[in-house]
PDB file of N, CA and C in Angstrom:
ATOM      1  N   MET A   1       0.803  -1.132   0.006  1.00  0.00           N
ATOM      2  CA  MET A   1       0.008   0.013  -0.011  1.00  0.00           C
ATOM      3  C   MET A   1       0.926   1.287  -0.033  1.00  0.00           C
ATOM      4  N   ASP A   2       2.054   1.154   0.661  1.00  0.00           N
ATOM      5  CA  ASP A   2       2.937   2.323   0.719  1.00  0.00           C
ATOM      6  C   ASP A   2       3.343   2.744  -0.699  1.00  0.00           C
ATOM      7  N   ALA A   3       3.686   1.808  -1.528  1.00  0.00           N
ATOM      8  CA  ALA A   3       4.111   2.143  -2.842  1.00  0.00           C
ATOM      9  C   ALA A   3       3.050   2.978  -3.643  1.00  0.00           C
ATOM     10  N   ALA A   4       1.720   2.549  -3.489  1.00  0.00           N
ATOM     11  CA  ALA A   4       0.667   3.314  -4.132  1.00  0.00           C
ATOM     12  C   ALA A   4       0.521   4.686  -3.604  1.00  0.00           C
ATOM     13  N   PHE A   5       0.772   4.847  -2.334  1.00  0.00           N
ATOM     14  CA  PHE A   5       0.628   6.196  -1.725  1.00  0.00           C
ATOM     15  C   PHE A   5       1.768   7.149  -2.229  1.00  0.00           C
ATOM     16  N   GLU A   6       2.976   6.553  -2.446  1.00  0.00           N
ATOM     17  CA  GLU A   6       4.020   7.192  -3.006  1.00  0.00           C
ATOM     18  C   GLU A   6       3.780   7.651  -4.428  1.00  0.00           C
ATOM     19  N   GLN A   7       3.122   6.842  -5.154  1.00  0.00           N
ATOM     20  CA  GLN A   7       2.692   7.239  -6.526  1.00  0.00           C
ATOM     21  C   GLN A   7       1.732   8.287  -6.559  1.00  0.00           C
ATOM     22  N   PHE A   8       0.758   8.198  -5.643  1.00  0.00           N
ATOM     23  CA  PHE A   8      -0.173   9.372  -5.517  1.00  0.00           C
ATOM     24  C   PHE A   8       0.464  10.693  -5.231  1.00  0.00           C
ATOM     25  N   GLU A   9       1.389  10.724  -4.276  1.00  0.00           N
ATOM     26  CA  GLU A   9       2.019  11.858  -3.858  1.00  0.00           C
ATOM     27  C   GLU A   9       2.837  12.333  -5.046  1.00  0.00           C
ATOM     28  N   GLU A  10       3.636  11.521  -5.801  1.00  0.00           N
ATOM     29  CA  GLU A  10       4.353  11.937  -6.919  1.00  0.00           C
ATOM     30  C   GLU A  10       3.560  12.507  -7.929  1.00  0.00           C
ATOM     31  N   GLY A  11       2.248  12.140  -8.075  1.00  0.00           N
ATOM     32  CA  GLY A  11       1.321  12.679  -9.099  1.00  0.00           C
ATOM     33  C   GLY A  11       0.533  13.930  -8.582  1.00  0.00           C
ATOM     34  N   ASP A  12       1.050  14.507  -7.539  1.00  0.00           N
ATOM     35  CA  ASP A  12       0.495  15.800  -6.988  1.00  0.00           C
ATOM     36  C   ASP A  12      -1.037  15.559  -6.711  1.00  0.00           C
ATOM     37  N   THR A  13      -1.269  14.318  -6.012  1.00  0.00           N
ATOM     38  CA  THR A  13      -2.675  13.856  -5.691  1.00  0.00           C
ATOM     39  C   THR A  13      -2.730  13.623  -4.186  1.00  0.00           C
ATOM     40  N   GLN A  14      -3.908  14.199  -3.675  1.00  0.00           N
ATOM     41  CA  GLN A  14      -4.215  14.018  -2.218  1.00  0.00           C
ATOM     42  C   GLN A  14      -5.145  12.924  -2.043  1.00  0.00           C
ATOM     43  N   VAL A  15      -4.948  11.954  -1.235  1.00  0.00           N
ATOM     44  CA  VAL A  15      -5.870  10.722  -0.991  1.00  0.00           C
ATOM     45  C   VAL A  15      -6.526  11.156   0.352  1.00  0.00           C
ATOM     46  N   LEU A  16      -7.922  11.082   0.236  1.00  0.00           N
ATOM     47  CA  LEU A  16      -8.811  11.465   1.294  1.00  0.00           C
ATOM     48  C   LEU A  16      -9.710  10.256   1.525  1.00  0.00           C
ATOM     49  N   GLY A  17     -10.043   9.904   2.760  1.00  0.00           N
ATOM     50  CA  GLY A  17     -11.282   9.001   3.041  1.00  0.00           C
ATOM     51  C   GLY A  17     -12.333   9.852   3.779  1.00  0.00           C
ATOM     52  N   ILE A  18     -13.549   9.662   3.354  1.00  0.00           N
ATOM     53  CA  ILE A  18     -14.625  10.303   4.060  1.00  0.00           C
ATOM     54  C   ILE A  18     -15.646   9.105   4.483  1.00  0.00           C
ATOM     55  N   SER A  19     -16.036   9.397   5.768  1.00  0.00           N
ATOM     56  CA  SER A  19     -16.974   8.397   6.321  1.00  0.00           C
ATOM     57  C   SER A  19     -18.034   9.077   7.136  1.00  0.00           C
ATOM     58  N   VAL A  20     -19.146   8.550   7.312  1.00  0.00           N
ATOM     59  CA  VAL A  20     -20.175   9.085   8.068  1.00  0.00           C
ATOM     60  C   VAL A  20     -19.966   8.773   9.651  1.00  0.00           C
ATOM     61  N   ASP A  21     -18.888   7.903   9.870  1.00  0.00           N
ATOM     62  CA  ASP A  21     -18.570   7.612  11.274  1.00  0.00           C
ATOM     63  C   ASP A  21     -17.844   8.695  11.825  1.00  0.00           C
ATOM     64  N   SER A  22     -17.652   8.588  13.265  1.00  0.00           N
ATOM     65  CA  SER A  22     -16.968   9.613  13.994  1.00  0.00           C
ATOM     66  C   SER A  22     -15.441   9.492  13.783  1.00  0.00           C
ATOM     67  N   THR A  23     -14.728  10.491  14.159  1.00  0.00           N
ATOM     68  CA  THR A  23     -13.207  10.541  13.969  1.00  0.00           C
ATOM     69  C   THR A  23     -12.529   9.366  14.656  1.00  0.00           C
ATOM     70  N   ASP A  24     -13.070   9.096  15.884  1.00  0.00           N
ATOM     71  CA  ASP A  24     -12.441   7.863  16.644  1.00  0.00           C
ATOM     72  C   ASP A  24     -12.598   6.630  15.806  1.00  0.00           C
ATOM     73  N   THR A  25     -13.865   6.359  15.266  1.00  0.00           N
ATOM     74  CA  THR A  25     -14.092   5.214  14.607  1.00  0.00           C
ATOM     75  C   THR A  25     -13.339   5.159  13.245  1.00  0.00           C
ATOM     76  N   ASN A  26     -13.093   6.316  12.546  1.00  0.00           N
ATOM     77  CA  ASN A  26     -12.341   6.349  11.346  1.00  0.00           C
ATOM     78  C   ASN A  26     -10.956   6.004  11.672  1.00  0.00           C
ATOM     79  N   ARG A  27     -10.390   6.476  12.821  1.00  0.00           N
ATOM     80  CA  ARG A  27      -9.028   6.282  13.135  1.00  0.00           C
ATOM     81  C   ARG A  27      -8.797   4.753  13.509  1.00  0.00           C
ATOM     82  N   ALA A  28      -9.724   4.054  14.145  1.00  0.00           N
ATOM     83  CA  ALA A  28      -9.614   2.703  14.448  1.00  0.00           C
ATOM     84  C   ALA A  28      -9.662   1.872  13.193  1.00  0.00           C
ATOM     85  N   TRP A  29     -10.594   2.230  12.332  1.00  0.00           N
ATOM     86  CA  TRP A  29     -10.673   1.521  11.010  1.00  0.00           C
ATOM     87  C   TRP A  29      -9.455   1.637  10.238  1.00  0.00           C
ATOM     88  N   ALA A  30      -8.783   2.839  10.070  1.00  0.00           N
ATOM     89  CA  ALA A  30      -7.563   2.954   9.386  1.00  0.00           C
ATOM     90  C   ALA A  30      -6.416   2.128   9.990  1.00  0.00           C
ATOM     91  N   GLU A  31      -6.264   2.106  11.216  1.00  0.00           N
ATOM     92  CA  GLU A  31      -5.272   1.316  11.897  1.00  0.00           C
ATOM     93  C   GLU A  31      -5.532  -0.095  11.645  1.00  0.00           C
ATOM     94  N   SER A  32      -6.767  -0.628  11.660  1.00  0.00           N
ATOM     95  CA  SER A  32      -7.095  -2.014  11.476  1.00  0.00           C
ATOM     96  C   SER A  32      -6.753  -2.513  10.026  1.00  0.00           C
ATOM     97  N   LEU A  33      -6.789  -1.504   9.054  1.00  0.00           N
ATOM     98  CA  LEU A  33      -6.409  -1.851   7.659  1.00  0.00           C
ATOM     99  C   LEU A  33      -5.058  -1.579   7.246  1.00  0.00           C
ATOM    100  N   GLY A  34      -4.298  -0.830   8.118  1.00  0.00           N
ATOM    101  CA  GLY A  34      -2.962  -0.350   7.840  1.00  0.00           C
ATOM    102  C   GLY A  34      -2.983   0.766   6.896  1.00  0.00           C
ATOM    103  N   VAL A  35      -3.926   1.642   6.891  1.00  0.00           N
ATOM    104  CA  VAL A  35      -3.941   2.770   6.004  1.00  0.00           C
ATOM    105  C   VAL A  35      -3.844   4.169   6.716  1.00  0.00           C
ATOM    106  N   GLU A  36      -3.039   4.143   7.710  1.00  0.00           N
ATOM    107  CA  GLU A  36      -2.961   5.339   8.436  1.00  0.00           C
ATOM    108  C   GLU A  36      -2.482   6.619   7.688  1.00  0.00           C
ATOM    109  N   ARG A  37      -1.928   6.377   6.512  1.00  0.00           N
ATOM    110  CA  ARG A  37      -1.545   7.554   5.772  1.00  0.00           C
ATOM    111  C   ARG A  37      -2.710   8.232   4.948  1.00  0.00           C
ATOM    112  N   VAL A  38      -3.827   7.672   4.908  1.00  0.00           N
ATOM    113  CA  VAL A  38      -5.014   8.269   4.325  1.00  0.00           C
ATOM    114  C   VAL A  38      -5.607   9.235   5.218  1.00  0.00           C
ATOM    115  N   LEU A  39      -5.688  10.519   4.852  1.00  0.00           N
ATOM    116  CA  LEU A  39      -6.458  11.543   5.635  1.00  0.00           C
ATOM    117  C   LEU A  39      -7.881  11.209   5.677  1.00  0.00           C
ATOM    118  N   LEU A  40      -8.397  10.993   6.810  1.00  0.00           N
ATOM    119  CA  LEU A  40      -9.851  10.609   7.009  1.00  0.00           C
ATOM    120  C   LEU A  40     -10.717  11.794   7.498  1.00  0.00           C
ATOM    121  N   LEU A  41     -11.704  11.973   6.817  1.00  0.00           N
ATOM    122  CA  LEU A  41     -12.628  13.124   7.188  1.00  0.00           C
ATOM    123  C   LEU A  41     -13.980  12.551   7.636  1.00  0.00           C
ATOM    124  N   SER A  42     -14.513  13.067   8.692  1.00  0.00           N
ATOM    125  CA  SER A  42     -15.741  12.537   9.292  1.00  0.00           C
ATOM    126  C   SER A  42     -16.913  13.425   8.745  1.00  0.00           C
ATOM    127  N   ASP A  43     -17.822  12.668   8.015  1.00  0.00           N
ATOM    128  CA  ASP A  43     -19.025  13.195   7.443  1.00  0.00           C
ATOM    129  C   ASP A  43     -20.066  13.075   8.458  1.00  0.00           C
ATOM    130  N   PHE A  44     -19.948  13.324   9.754  1.00  0.00           N
ATOM    131  CA  PHE A  44     -20.827  12.950  10.829  1.00  0.00           C
ATOM    132  C   PHE A  44     -21.875  13.956  11.057  1.00  0.00           C
ATOM    133  N   TRP A  45     -21.578  15.283  10.976  1.00  0.00           N
ATOM    134  CA  TRP A  45     -22.691  16.299  11.194  1.00  0.00           C
ATOM    135  C   TRP A  45     -22.530  17.374  10.224  1.00  0.00           C
ATOM    136  N   PRO A  46     -23.588  17.777   9.532  1.00  0.00           N
ATOM    137  CA  PRO A  46     -24.854  17.103   9.536  1.00  0.00           C
ATOM    138  C   PRO A  46     -24.637  15.684   8.759  1.00  0.00           C
ATOM    139  N   HIS A  47     -25.142  14.666   9.411  1.00  0.00           N
ATOM    140  CA  HIS A  47     -24.878  13.338   9.060  1.00  0.00           C
ATOM    141  C   HIS A  47     -24.996  13.057   7.582  1.00  0.00           C
ATOM    142  N   GLY A  48     -23.837  12.614   7.013  1.00  0.00           N
ATOM    143  CA  GLY A  48     -23.877  12.104   5.612  1.00  0.00           C
ATOM    144  C   GLY A  48     -24.134  13.359   4.544  1.00  0.00           C
ATOM    145  N   LYS A  49     -23.883  14.503   4.943  1.00  0.00           N
ATOM    146  CA  LYS A  49     -24.160  15.619   3.888  1.00  0.00           C
ATOM    147  C   LYS A  49     -23.237  15.470   2.644  1.00  0.00           C
ATOM    148  N   VAL A  50     -21.978  15.194   2.821  1.00  0.00           N
ATOM    149  CA  VAL A  50     -21.010  15.063   1.699  1.00  0.00           C
ATOM    150  C   VAL A  50     -21.397  13.854   0.968  1.00  0.00           C
ATOM    151  N   ALA A  51     -21.662  12.618   1.693  1.00  0.00           N
ATOM    152  CA  ALA A  51     -22.120  11.505   0.961  1.00  0.00           C
ATOM    153  C   ALA A  51     -23.328  11.708   0.163  1.00  0.00           C
ATOM    154  N   GLN A  52     -24.344  12.436   0.675  1.00  0.00           N
ATOM    155  CA  GLN A  52     -25.549  12.772  -0.004  1.00  0.00           C
ATOM    156  C   GLN A  52     -25.283  13.552  -1.276  1.00  0.00           C
ATOM    157  N   ASP A  53     -24.437  14.597  -1.036  1.00  0.00           N
ATOM    158  CA  ASP A  53     -23.979  15.493  -2.210  1.00  0.00           C
ATOM    159  C   ASP A  53     -23.343  14.717  -3.312  1.00  0.00           C
ATOM    160  N   TYR A  54     -22.582  13.674  -2.988  1.00  0.00           N
ATOM    161  CA  TYR A  54     -21.868  12.805  -4.016  1.00  0.00           C
ATOM    162  C   TYR A  54     -22.782  11.625  -4.419  1.00  0.00           C
ATOM    163  N   GLY A  55     -23.941  11.508  -3.991  1.00  0.00           N
ATOM    164  CA  GLY A  55     -24.927  10.529  -4.290  1.00  0.00           C
ATOM    165  C   GLY A  55     -24.488   9.097  -3.856  1.00  0.00           C
ATOM    166  N   VAL A  56     -23.879   9.010  -2.706  1.00  0.00           N
ATOM    167  CA  VAL A  56     -23.465   7.578  -2.215  1.00  0.00           C
ATOM    168  C   VAL A  56     -24.017   7.384  -0.850  1.00  0.00           C
ATOM    169  N   LEU A  57     -25.001   8.190  -0.243  1.00  0.00           N
ATOM    170  CA  LEU A  57     -25.527   7.873   0.965  1.00  0.00           C
ATOM    171  C   LEU A  57     -26.658   6.958   0.815  1.00  0.00           C
ATOM    172  N   ARG A  58     -26.589   5.754   1.544  1.00  0.00           N
ATOM    173  CA  ARG A  58     -27.549   4.735   1.489  1.00  0.00           C
ATOM    174  C   ARG A  58     -28.685   4.931   2.505  1.00  0.00           C
ATOM    175  N   GLU A  59     -29.799   4.238   2.222  1.00  0.00           N
ATOM    176  CA  GLU A  59     -30.841   4.277   3.364  1.00  0.00           C
ATOM    177  C   GLU A  59     -30.251   3.770   4.634  1.00  0.00           C
ATOM    178  N   GLY A  60     -30.761   4.275   5.714  1.00  0.00           N
ATOM    179  CA  GLY A  60     -30.188   3.777   7.055  1.00  0.00           C
ATOM    180  C   GLY A  60     -28.990   4.627   7.404  1.00  0.00           C
ATOM    181  N   GLY A  61     -28.584   5.628   6.558  1.00  0.00           N
ATOM    182  CA  GLY A  61     -27.518   6.539   6.991  1.00  0.00           C
ATOM    183  C   GLY A  61     -26.108   5.937   6.717  1.00  0.00           C
ATOM    184  N   PHE A  62     -25.901   4.862   5.996  1.00  0.00           N
ATOM    185  CA  PHE A  62     -24.736   4.369   5.660  1.00  0.00           C
ATOM    186  C   PHE A  62     -24.217   4.935   4.250  1.00  0.00           C
ATOM    187  N   THR A  63     -22.977   4.835   3.999  1.00  0.00           N
ATOM    188  CA  THR A  63     -22.566   5.125   2.647  1.00  0.00           C
ATOM    189  C   THR A  63     -22.167   3.994   1.801  1.00  0.00           C
ATOM    190  N   GLU A  64     -22.213   4.214   0.494  1.00  0.00           N
ATOM    191  CA  GLU A  64     -21.593   3.162  -0.412  1.00  0.00           C
ATOM    192  C   GLU A  64     -20.096   3.243  -0.171  1.00  0.00           C
ATOM    193  N   ARG A  65     -19.446   2.221  -0.542  1.00  0.00           N
ATOM    194  CA  ARG A  65     -17.929   2.118  -0.661  1.00  0.00           C
ATOM    195  C   ARG A  65     -17.647   2.579  -2.039  1.00  0.00           C
ATOM    196  N   ALA A  66     -17.111   3.876  -2.173  1.00  0.00           N
ATOM    197  CA  ALA A  66     -16.955   4.501  -3.454  1.00  0.00           C
ATOM    198  C   ALA A  66     -15.607   5.237  -3.560  1.00  0.00           C
ATOM    199  N   THR A  67     -14.949   5.363  -4.660  1.00  0.00           N
ATOM    200  CA  THR A  67     -13.875   6.217  -4.889  1.00  0.00           C
ATOM    201  C   THR A  67     -14.151   7.271  -6.018  1.00  0.00           C
ATOM    202  N   PHE A  68     -13.582   8.452  -5.849  1.00  0.00           N
ATOM    203  CA  PHE A  68     -13.810   9.614  -6.658  1.00  0.00           C
ATOM    204  C   PHE A  68     -12.456  10.154  -6.907  1.00  0.00           C
ATOM    205  N   ILE A  69     -12.357  10.785  -8.101  1.00  0.00           N
ATOM    206  CA  ILE A  69     -11.185  11.593  -8.420  1.00  0.00           C
ATOM    207  C   ILE A  69     -11.933  12.963  -8.768  1.00  0.00           C
ATOM    208  N   VAL A  70     -11.420  13.958  -7.990  1.00  0.00           N
ATOM    209  CA  VAL A  70     -11.904  15.270  -8.091  1.00  0.00           C
ATOM    210  C   VAL A  70     -10.730  16.253  -8.520  1.00  0.00           C
ATOM    211  N   ASP A  71     -10.913  16.916  -9.621  1.00  0.00           N
ATOM    212  CA  ASP A  71      -9.689  17.805  -9.985  1.00  0.00           C
ATOM    213  C   ASP A  71      -9.635  19.042  -9.185  1.00  0.00           C
ATOM    214  N   LYS A  72      -8.657  19.802  -9.440  1.00  0.00           N
ATOM    215  CA  LYS A  72      -8.399  21.041  -8.579  1.00  0.00           C
ATOM    216  C   LYS A  72      -9.517  22.029  -8.757  1.00  0.00           C
ATOM    217  N   GLU A  73     -10.387  21.903  -9.761  1.00  0.00           N
ATOM    218  CA  GLU A  73     -11.454  22.911  -9.929  1.00  0.00           C
ATOM    219  C   GLU A  73     -12.701  22.398  -9.267  1.00  0.00           C
ATOM    220  N   GLY A  74     -12.682  21.223  -8.572  1.00  0.00           N
ATOM    221  CA  GLY A  74     -13.751  20.548  -7.916  1.00  0.00           C
ATOM    222  C   GLY A  74     -14.676  19.749  -8.881  1.00  0.00           C
ATOM    223  N   ILE A  75     -14.290  19.366 -10.011  1.00  0.00           N
ATOM    224  CA  ILE A  75     -15.051  18.678 -11.033  1.00  0.00           C
ATOM    225  C   ILE A  75     -14.739  17.106 -10.774  1.00  0.00           C
ATOM    226  N   VAL A  76     -15.781  16.372 -10.478  1.00  0.00           N
ATOM    227  CA  VAL A  76     -15.626  14.972 -10.358  1.00  0.00           C
ATOM    228  C   VAL A  76     -15.231  14.333 -11.834  1.00  0.00           C
ATOM    229  N   ARG A  77     -14.004  13.728 -11.869  1.00  0.00           N
ATOM    230  CA  ARG A  77     -13.537  13.130 -13.145  1.00  0.00           C
ATOM    231  C   ARG A  77     -13.581  11.667 -13.154  1.00  0.00           C
ATOM    232  N   PHE A  78     -13.782  11.006 -11.975  1.00  0.00           N
ATOM    233  CA  PHE A  78     -13.871   9.618 -11.990  1.00  0.00           C
ATOM    234  C   PHE A  78     -14.639   9.223 -10.705  1.00  0.00           C
ATOM    235  N   LYS A  79     -15.594   8.075 -10.853  1.00  0.00           N
ATOM    236  CA  LYS A  79     -16.309   7.618  -9.801  1.00  0.00           C
ATOM    237  C   LYS A  79     -16.364   6.063  -9.973  1.00  0.00           C
ATOM    238  N   HIS A  80     -16.237   5.370  -8.842  1.00  0.00           N
ATOM    239  CA  HIS A  80     -16.459   3.940  -8.928  1.00  0.00           C
ATOM    240  C   HIS A  80     -17.063   3.517  -7.565  1.00  0.00           C
ATOM    241  N   VAL A  81     -18.224   2.781  -7.571  1.00  0.00           N
ATOM    242  CA  VAL A  81     -18.743   2.245  -6.469  1.00  0.00           C
ATOM    243  C   VAL A  81     -18.361   0.772  -6.331  1.00  0.00           C
ATOM    244  N   TYR A  82     -17.908   0.278  -5.177  1.00  0.00           N
ATOM    245  CA  TYR A  82     -17.561  -1.102  -4.971  1.00  0.00           C
ATOM    246  C   TYR A  82     -18.653  -1.773  -4.180  1.00  0.00           C
ATOM    247  N   GLU A  83     -18.525  -3.008  -4.135  1.00  0.00           N
ATOM    248  CA  GLU A  83     -19.468  -3.828  -3.149  1.00  0.00           C
ATOM    249  C   GLU A  83     -18.971  -3.383  -1.852  1.00  0.00           C
ATOM    250  N   ILE A  84     -19.927  -3.283  -0.891  1.00  0.00           N
ATOM    251  CA  ILE A  84     -19.677  -2.760   0.529  1.00  0.00           C
ATOM    252  C   ILE A  84     -18.657  -3.412   1.256  1.00  0.00           C
ATOM    253  N   ASN A  85     -18.234  -4.709   0.976  1.00  0.00           N
ATOM    254  CA  ASN A  85     -17.271  -5.404   1.669  1.00  0.00           C
ATOM    255  C   ASN A  85     -15.849  -5.502   0.962  1.00  0.00           C
ATOM    256  N   GLN A  86     -15.893  -4.744  -0.279  1.00  0.00           N
ATOM    257  CA  GLN A  86     -14.669  -4.756  -0.970  1.00  0.00           C
ATOM    258  C   GLN A  86     -13.926  -3.488  -0.774  1.00  0.00           C
ATOM    259  N   LEU A  87     -12.607  -3.537  -0.734  1.00  0.00           N
ATOM    260  CA  LEU A  87     -11.687  -2.440  -0.507  1.00  0.00           C
ATOM    261  C   LEU A  87     -11.464  -1.872  -1.893  1.00  0.00           C
ATOM    262  N   PRO A  88     -11.331  -0.540  -2.057  1.00  0.00           N
ATOM    263  CA  PRO A  88     -10.919   0.146  -3.215  1.00  0.00           C
ATOM    264  C   PRO A  88      -9.519  -0.259  -3.663  1.00  0.00           C
ATOM    265  N   ASP A  89      -9.386  -0.493  -5.023  1.00  0.00           N
ATOM    266  CA  ASP A  89      -8.069  -0.987  -5.650  1.00  0.00           C
ATOM    267  C   ASP A  89      -7.289   0.347  -5.949  1.00  0.00           C
ATOM    268  N   PRO A  90      -6.171   0.566  -5.208  1.00  0.00           N
ATOM    269  CA  PRO A  90      -5.407   1.857  -5.623  1.00  0.00           C
ATOM    270  C   PRO A  90      -4.888   1.733  -6.998  1.00  0.00           C
ATOM    271  N   GLU A  91      -4.673   0.564  -7.571  1.00  0.00           N
ATOM    272  CA  GLU A  91      -4.188   0.569  -9.050  1.00  0.00           C
ATOM    273  C   GLU A  91      -5.212   0.951  -9.931  1.00  0.00           C
ATOM    274  N   LYS A  92      -6.469   0.829  -9.600  1.00  0.00           N
ATOM    275  CA  LYS A  92      -7.518   1.362 -10.576  1.00  0.00           C
ATOM    276  C   LYS A  92      -7.510   2.823 -10.507  1.00  0.00           C
ATOM    277  N   LEU A  93      -7.296   3.464  -9.425  1.00  0.00           N
ATOM    278  CA  LEU A  93      -7.173   4.869  -9.289  1.00  0.00           C
ATOM    279  C   LEU A  93      -6.006   5.537 -10.043  1.00  0.00           C
ATOM    280  N   LEU A  94      -4.883   4.795  -9.758  1.00  0.00           N
ATOM    281  CA  LEU A  94      -3.568   5.177 -10.469  1.00  0.00           C
ATOM    282  C   LEU A  94      -3.781   5.116 -11.986  1.00  0.00           C
ATOM    283  N   GLU A  95      -4.382   4.099 -12.434  1.00  0.00           N
ATOM    284  CA  GLU A  95      -4.764   3.900 -13.928  1.00  0.00           C
ATOM    285  C   GLU A  95      -5.621   5.022 -14.388  1.00  0.00           C
ATOM    286  N   ALA A  96      -6.645   5.359 -13.616  1.00  0.00           N
ATOM    287  CA  ALA A  96      -7.487   6.454 -13.955  1.00  0.00           C
ATOM    288  C   ALA A  96      -6.757   7.826 -14.119  1.00  0.00           C
ATOM    289  N   LEU A  97      -5.784   7.990 -13.119  1.00  0.00           N
ATOM    290  CA  LEU A  97      -5.066   9.217 -13.220  1.00  0.00           C
ATOM    291  C   LEU A  97      -4.188   9.210 -14.360  1.00  0.00           C
ATOM    292  N   ARG A  98      -3.544   8.111 -14.673  1.00  0.00           N
ATOM    293  CA  ARG A  98      -2.722   8.110 -15.832  1.00  0.00           C
ATOM    294  C   ARG A  98      -3.501   8.359 -17.075  1.00  0.00           C
ATOM    295  N   THR A  99      -4.684   7.935 -17.169  1.00  0.00           N
ATOM    296  CA  THR A  99      -5.503   8.021 -18.350  1.00  0.00           C
ATOM    297  C   THR A  99      -5.790   9.558 -18.518  1.00  0.00           C
ATOM    298  N   MET A 100      -6.038  10.162 -17.431  1.00  0.00           N
ATOM    299  CA  MET A 100      -6.380  11.694 -17.391  1.00  0.00           C
ATOM    300  C   MET A 100      -5.160  12.463 -17.679  1.00  0.00           C
ATOM    301  N   GLY A 101      -4.038  11.898 -17.559  1.00  0.00           N
ATOM    302  CA  GLY A 101      -2.731  12.722 -17.750  1.00  0.00           C
ATOM    303  C   GLY A 101      -2.430  13.464 -16.497  1.00  0.00           C
ATOM    304  N   GLN A 102      -2.926  12.941 -15.357  1.00  0.00           N
ATOM    305  CA  GLN A 102      -2.572  13.739 -14.066  1.00  0.00           C
ATOM    306  C   GLN A 102      -1.471  13.102 -13.239  1.00  0.00           C
ATOM    307  N   GLU A 103      -0.959  12.063 -13.675  1.00  0.00           N
ATOM    308  CA  GLU A 103       0.087  11.423 -12.945  1.00  0.00           C
ATOM    309  C   GLU A 103       1.534  11.646 -13.690  1.00  0.00           C
TER     310      GLU A 103
END
């Protein structure tokens, strides 16, 4: 995973995680998966506002497992929704960045 993060950094790319969970829950989740280098944002209050804006808030207040590439102007250039138990593939994002000429 560290190699992928280095490639994101070399490509002038910021990796963020956003969850409707609290900051403490986000921290524990990151530690359990070994992704402490990901900056995690809590979409806790108002609950799920960012997820709702991006179209990934599920009924019951949970979010889809999704990845986005947003350019510096705030335009979504890439979106992929995963099965809820599937972790995003960093290679898929790196390939999307290469395709966009951003890496």
